[in-house]
Amino acid sequence: MDIKQLRYFKAVVTEGGFSGAAAKLHLSQPSLSKAIRTLEGQIGFQLFERTTKRVDLTESGRVFYERAVKVLAEMDIFEKEVIEVKAAGSGEVRLGMIESVKNWIPDVLGWYRTAYPDMRVVLKEVLGRADIEYALRNHDVHACLTNERIDEPDIVTQPLYTEKLVLVMHAEHRLASQPDVRLADVAEEPFIITGKGFQTRSNILQAFEEEGLELNLCCDADRFETILTLVEAGIGVSIIPRNYLGESVPDTVAIRELASASLDRTVYLASIRSRYRPPAVEALLRRMGGEG
């Protein structure tokens, strides 16, 4: 039994039959059928119930398929790692990131560019929890900068720094001239917040719940850039990371800190615990973590 046979077997299952699988694999149908029969002979049991109309997995075939999918996924990752090891001297490092780190990461990358001029950095916006876990496990990125602490056996999260979530409103808003603003002062305002599955949304909802207030939600938007544009247009108010705005706050908006522990949060560096990383990649992750 070899990897090619497992790929053939998986193709027959996913394509729902031999003809579709043969076309996808660029093989003749007789060649594919022979390969599957050879595999069945090697493992000692039948994988498919063959009829004139369809091909179904046998009970043993279903068990075999579950294991084959896992083996092929591991093989795909292994092949990616081999490529990375080969290119370690002049390869690339891929980072997933949230929007609010855009004003934090340039200093780190400036150092990295000087220390490792032959390395190419690829930044990929990875926002939701499910996307972060998928990107890490699929080896699409070496690590992710995220505002979520991910407690999974295969993923390690290292705290980097804390950031505040602040109220943003139009510069001519009725509260823009008020030095101190409480959450209760804006409870009835139309709010624009990130969509379901985003940590910022959870932080905001928790802050309102802790004070016994109800959020007046008017818009969902996945990106802070979109939220800020809507605030500048006077559509509503929002709560976003102070770091996203950087040093230069637009004249069209006003910001205020709100007294709520739920609006303070940590930014983490998340990575796969057992993944091999070339030394040049590891050096960047250590620098982001405050080492070196």
Protein backbone atom coordinates (compact mmCIF):
# COMPACT_ATOMS: atom_id res chain seq x y z
CA MET A 1 0.00 0.00 0.00
CA ASP A 2 1.31 3.47 -0.89
CA ILE A 3 0.19 7.12 -0.77
CA LYS A 4 -0.83 7.09 -4.44
CA GLN A 5 -3.26 4.25 -3.79
CA LEU A 6 -4.79 6.15 -0.87
CA ARG A 7 -5.21 9.23 -3.06
CA TYR A 8 -6.94 7.13 -5.71
CA PHE A 9 -9.22 5.58 -3.09
CA LYS A 10 -10.14 8.97 -1.63
CA ALA A 11 -10.90 10.34 -5.10
CA VAL A 12 -13.36 7.50 -5.81
CA VAL A 13 -15.18 8.28 -2.55
CA THR A 14 -15.25 12.06 -2.95
CA GLU A 15 -16.22 11.92 -6.64
CA GLY A 16 -18.92 9.35 -5.97
CA GLY A 17 -17.65 6.75 -8.40
CA PHE A 18 -14.86 5.51 -10.65
CA SER A 19 -15.65 7.54 -13.78
CA GLY A 20 -15.57 10.92 -12.01
CA ALA A 21 -12.46 9.97 -10.05
CA ALA A 22 -10.67 8.73 -13.18
CA ALA A 23 -11.38 12.03 -14.94
CA LYS A 24 -10.12 14.05 -11.99
CA LEU A 25 -6.97 11.93 -11.68
CA HIS A 26 -6.38 11.90 -15.46
CA LEU A 27 -6.42 8.10 -15.49
CA SER A 28 -8.34 5.58 -17.54
CA GLN A 29 -11.20 3.98 -15.64
CA PRO A 30 -9.78 0.43 -16.07
CA SER A 31 -6.43 1.57 -14.62
CA LEU A 32 -8.15 3.12 -11.62
CA SER A 33 -10.32 0.03 -11.05
CA LYS A 34 -7.23 -2.18 -11.19
CA ALA A 35 -5.41 0.04 -8.66
CA ILE A 36 -8.34 -0.22 -6.22
CA ARG A 37 -8.57 -3.99 -6.66
CA THR A 38 -4.83 -4.23 -5.96
CA LEU A 39 -5.31 -2.15 -2.79
CA GLU A 40 -8.18 -4.38 -1.65
CA GLY A 41 -6.00 -7.44 -2.24
CA GLN A 42 -3.20 -5.94 -0.14
CA ILE A 43 -5.39 -5.02 2.84
CA GLY A 44 -7.49 -8.19 2.68
CA PHE A 45 -11.02 -6.80 2.53
CA GLN A 46 -13.46 -5.18 0.10
CA LEU A 47 -13.70 -1.38 0.16
CA PHE A 48 -16.71 -0.82 -2.11
CA GLU A 49 -20.11 -2.35 -2.75
CA ARG A 50 -20.27 -2.16 -6.52
CA THR A 51 -23.65 -2.04 -8.29
CA THR A 52 -24.62 -1.00 -11.80
CA LYS A 53 -25.80 2.42 -10.62
CA ARG A 54 -23.53 3.47 -7.76
CA VAL A 55 -20.48 2.70 -5.67
CA ASP A 56 -20.86 2.65 -1.87
CA LEU A 57 -18.31 2.06 0.87
CA THR A 58 -18.53 -1.18 2.79
CA GLU A 59 -18.55 -0.97 6.58
CA SER A 60 -14.83 -1.79 6.60
CA GLY A 61 -14.34 0.71 3.79
CA ARG A 62 -15.82 3.52 5.88
CA VAL A 63 -13.34 2.84 8.69
CA PHE A 64 -10.50 2.65 6.18
CA TYR A 65 -11.62 5.93 4.57
CA GLU A 66 -11.57 7.82 7.90
CA ARG A 67 -7.98 6.72 8.54
CA ALA A 68 -6.90 7.34 4.95
CA VAL A 69 -8.14 10.96 5.09
CA LYS A 70 -6.07 11.58 8.23
CA VAL A 71 -2.96 9.98 6.73
CA LEU A 72 -3.29 12.05 3.54
CA ALA A 73 -3.76 15.27 5.52
CA GLU A 74 -0.60 14.51 7.50
CA MET A 75 1.22 13.74 4.26
CA ASP A 76 0.18 17.07 2.76
CA ILE A 77 1.56 18.88 5.81
CA PHE A 78 4.76 16.83 5.68
CA GLU A 79 5.30 17.77 2.04
CA LYS A 80 4.85 21.46 2.91
CA GLU A 81 7.40 21.13 5.72
CA VAL A 82 9.93 19.50 3.38
CA ILE A 83 9.59 22.46 1.02
CA GLU A 84 10.07 24.88 3.95
CA VAL A 85 13.18 23.08 5.19
CA LYS A 86 14.64 23.17 1.68
CA ALA A 87 13.93 26.92 1.42
CA ALA A 88 14.93 27.88 4.96
CA GLY A 89 17.87 29.98 3.81
CA SER A 90 15.88 32.24 1.49
CA GLY A 91 12.25 31.33 2.00
CA GLU A 92 9.25 33.09 3.44
CA VAL A 93 7.43 33.47 6.72
CA ARG A 94 3.64 33.67 6.66
CA LEU A 95 1.78 35.45 9.43
CA GLY A 96 -1.92 35.63 10.10
CA MET A 97 -2.97 38.91 11.69
CA ILE A 98 -5.88 40.90 13.04
CA GLU A 99 -6.46 44.51 11.98
CA SER A 100 -5.50 46.12 15.28
CA VAL A 101 -1.84 45.03 15.03
CA LYS A 102 -1.23 47.16 11.93
CA ASN A 103 0.40 49.90 14.03
CA TRP A 104 2.33 47.45 16.26
CA ILE A 105 3.93 45.13 13.74
CA PRO A 106 6.02 47.58 11.60
CA ASP A 107 8.76 47.92 14.25
CA VAL A 108 9.16 44.13 14.44
CA LEU A 109 9.23 43.74 10.67
CA GLY A 110 11.73 46.59 10.38
CA TRP A 111 14.11 44.65 12.62
CA TYR A 112 13.46 41.43 10.71
CA ARG A 113 14.14 43.03 7.35
CA THR A 114 17.57 44.11 8.60
CA ALA A 115 18.40 40.82 10.35
CA TYR A 116 17.10 38.49 7.60
CA PRO A 117 17.12 40.39 4.29
CA ASP A 118 16.65 37.21 2.23
CA MET A 119 13.39 36.27 3.96
CA ARG A 120 10.07 37.33 2.49
CA VAL A 121 7.20 38.14 4.86
CA VAL A 122 3.63 37.35 3.80
CA LEU A 123 0.91 38.95 5.93
CA LYS A 124 -2.53 37.39 5.73
CA GLU A 125 -5.60 38.83 7.42
CA VAL A 126 -7.10 36.04 9.52
CA LEU A 127 -9.93 37.29 11.70
CA GLY A 128 -12.36 34.70 13.11
CA ARG A 129 -11.49 31.87 15.54
CA ALA A 130 -12.37 29.13 13.05
CA ASP A 131 -10.25 30.76 10.33
CA ILE A 132 -7.30 31.08 12.72
CA GLU A 133 -7.39 27.42 13.71
CA TYR A 134 -7.79 26.31 10.08
CA ALA A 135 -4.91 28.51 8.87
CA LEU A 136 -2.60 27.17 11.58
CA ARG A 137 -3.50 23.50 11.21
CA ASN A 138 -3.43 23.63 7.42
CA HIS A 139 0.03 25.27 7.56
CA ASP A 140 -1.23 28.28 5.59
CA VAL A 141 0.58 30.45 8.16
CA HIS A 142 3.45 29.87 10.59
CA ALA A 143 1.71 31.83 13.35
CA CYS A 144 -1.23 34.14 13.98
CA LEU A 145 -1.51 37.42 15.85
CA THR A 146 -4.91 37.19 17.46
CA ASN A 147 -7.03 38.67 20.24
CA GLU A 148 -8.32 35.21 21.21
CA ARG A 149 -6.67 32.84 23.66
CA ILE A 150 -7.02 29.47 21.95
CA ASP A 151 -7.04 26.57 24.38
CA GLU A 152 -6.40 23.56 22.16
CA PRO A 153 -3.91 20.69 22.76
CA ASP A 154 -2.08 21.35 19.48
CA ILE A 155 -2.07 25.17 19.61
CA VAL A 156 -0.02 27.34 21.98
CA THR A 157 -0.90 31.01 22.59
CA GLN A 158 1.66 33.44 23.99
CA PRO A 159 0.48 36.82 25.38
CA LEU A 160 2.17 39.77 23.65
CA TYR A 161 0.55 42.97 24.94
CA THR A 162 -2.75 44.41 26.16
CA GLU A 163 -4.89 46.91 24.32
CA LYS A 164 -7.96 49.00 25.13
CA LEU A 165 -11.20 49.03 23.23
CA VAL A 166 -12.46 52.61 22.97
CA LEU A 167 -15.67 54.33 21.98
CA VAL A 168 -15.53 56.01 18.55
CA MET A 169 -18.15 58.51 17.39
CA HIS A 170 -18.53 61.29 14.85
CA ALA A 171 -16.65 64.45 15.79
CA GLU A 172 -19.97 66.35 15.95
CA HIS A 173 -21.74 63.75 18.07
CA ARG A 174 -23.58 65.14 21.11
CA LEU A 175 -21.10 63.40 23.45
CA ALA A 176 -17.95 64.42 21.56
CA SER A 177 -17.43 67.49 23.79
CA GLN A 178 -18.02 65.52 27.00
CA PRO A 179 -14.66 64.53 28.62
CA ASP A 180 -16.02 61.51 30.50
CA VAL A 181 -18.43 59.12 28.84
CA ARG A 182 -19.95 56.06 30.47
CA LEU A 183 -21.33 52.99 28.74
CA ALA A 184 -24.78 53.96 30.03
CA ASP A 185 -24.50 57.28 28.16
CA VAL A 186 -24.34 55.49 24.81
CA ALA A 187 -26.59 52.50 25.50
CA GLU A 188 -29.37 53.86 23.28
CA GLU A 189 -27.05 54.95 20.47
CA PRO A 190 -27.11 52.91 17.22
CA PHE A 191 -24.06 50.62 17.43
CA ILE A 192 -21.91 49.22 14.65
CA ILE A 193 -19.90 46.19 15.78
CA THR A 194 -18.05 43.21 14.33
CA GLY A 195 -20.00 40.14 13.26
CA LYS A 196 -20.64 36.90 15.09
CA GLY A 197 -17.55 34.83 15.81
CA PHE A 198 -15.28 37.83 16.40
CA GLN A 199 -13.69 38.42 19.81
CA THR A 200 -14.33 42.19 19.70
CA ARG A 201 -18.06 41.54 19.49
CA SER A 202 -17.88 39.24 22.53
CA ASN A 203 -15.96 41.89 24.50
CA ILE A 204 -18.58 44.55 23.73
CA LEU A 205 -21.57 42.35 24.53
CA GLN A 206 -19.96 41.26 27.80
CA ALA A 207 -19.32 44.88 28.82
CA PHE A 208 -22.98 45.76 28.22
CA GLU A 209 -24.19 42.65 30.05
CA GLU A 210 -22.02 43.38 33.09
CA GLU A 211 -23.66 46.79 33.47
CA GLY A 212 -27.16 45.45 32.86
CA LEU A 213 -27.48 47.37 29.59
CA GLU A 214 -28.89 46.33 26.23
CA LEU A 215 -26.98 47.05 23.04
CA ASN A 216 -28.84 48.93 20.30
CA LEU A 217 -27.31 47.10 17.32
CA CYS A 218 -27.77 48.74 13.92
CA CYS A 219 -24.98 47.25 11.75
CA ASP A 220 -22.56 44.31 11.66
CA ALA A 221 -19.24 44.69 9.83
CA ASP A 222 -16.23 42.37 9.81
CA ARG A 223 -13.52 45.02 9.35
CA PHE A 224 -12.66 48.01 11.53
CA GLU A 225 -11.98 49.99 8.36
CA THR A 226 -15.63 49.60 7.36
CA ILE A 227 -16.85 50.36 10.89
CA LEU A 228 -14.81 53.56 11.06
CA THR A 229 -16.13 54.67 7.67
CA LEU A 230 -19.71 54.21 8.89
CA VAL A 231 -18.95 56.12 12.10
CA GLU A 232 -17.45 58.97 10.08
CA ALA A 233 -20.64 59.03 8.00
CA GLY A 234 -22.71 59.45 11.17
CA ILE A 235 -24.46 56.08 10.85
CA GLY A 236 -23.75 55.15 14.47
CA VAL A 237 -21.08 54.72 17.13
CA SER A 238 -18.75 51.80 17.78
CA ILE A 239 -16.12 50.33 20.09
CA ILE A 240 -12.83 49.35 18.45
CA PRO A 241 -9.19 48.75 19.53
CA ARG A 242 -7.35 51.99 20.33
CA ASN A 243 -4.24 50.54 18.64
CA TYR A 244 -6.08 50.33 15.33
CA LEU A 245 -6.25 54.14 15.18
CA GLY A 246 -2.57 54.65 15.89
CA GLU A 247 -1.15 58.07 16.73
CA SER A 248 -3.18 60.08 14.22
CA VAL A 249 -6.91 60.01 14.96
CA PRO A 250 -9.00 61.34 12.04
CA ASP A 251 -10.50 64.80 12.59
CA THR A 252 -13.88 63.36 11.70
CA VAL A 253 -14.10 61.14 14.80
CA ALA A 254 -13.83 61.51 18.56
CA ILE A 255 -12.66 58.74 20.90
CA ARG A 256 -13.30 58.13 24.58
CA GLU A 257 -12.15 55.44 26.99
CA LEU A 258 -14.91 53.62 28.84
CA ALA A 259 -14.53 52.24 32.35
CA SER A 260 -15.04 48.50 31.82
CA ALA A 261 -12.65 45.59 32.48
CA SER A 262 -14.23 43.76 29.54
CA LEU A 263 -12.91 46.45 27.20
CA ASP A 264 -9.28 45.64 28.06
CA ARG A 265 -7.94 42.64 26.18
CA THR A 266 -4.76 40.78 25.32
CA VAL A 267 -3.19 40.18 21.92
CA TYR A 268 -1.62 36.73 21.53
CA LEU A 269 0.81 34.95 19.24
CA ALA A 270 -0.71 31.58 18.32
CA SER A 271 1.17 28.73 16.68
CA ILE A 272 1.09 24.94 16.31
CA ARG A 273 2.88 23.41 19.28
CA SER A 274 4.81 20.64 17.51
CA ARG A 275 5.39 22.21 14.10
CA TYR A 276 8.91 22.43 12.76
CA ARG A 277 9.91 26.02 11.87
CA PRO A 278 13.16 27.00 10.13
CA PRO A 279 15.52 29.08 12.31
CA ALA A 280 14.81 32.25 10.31
CA VAL A 281 11.08 31.86 11.00
CA GLU A 282 11.63 31.03 14.66
CA ALA A 283 13.73 34.20 15.05
CA LEU A 284 10.79 36.40 14.01
CA LEU A 285 8.40 34.67 16.41
CA ARG A 286 10.86 35.09 19.28
CA ARG A 287 11.26 38.79 18.46
CA MET A 288 7.48 39.28 18.49
CA GLY A 289 7.41 37.58 21.86
CA GLY A 290 9.97 40.05 23.26
CA GLU A 291 13.05 37.81 22.98
CA GLY A 292 16.25 38.63 21.10
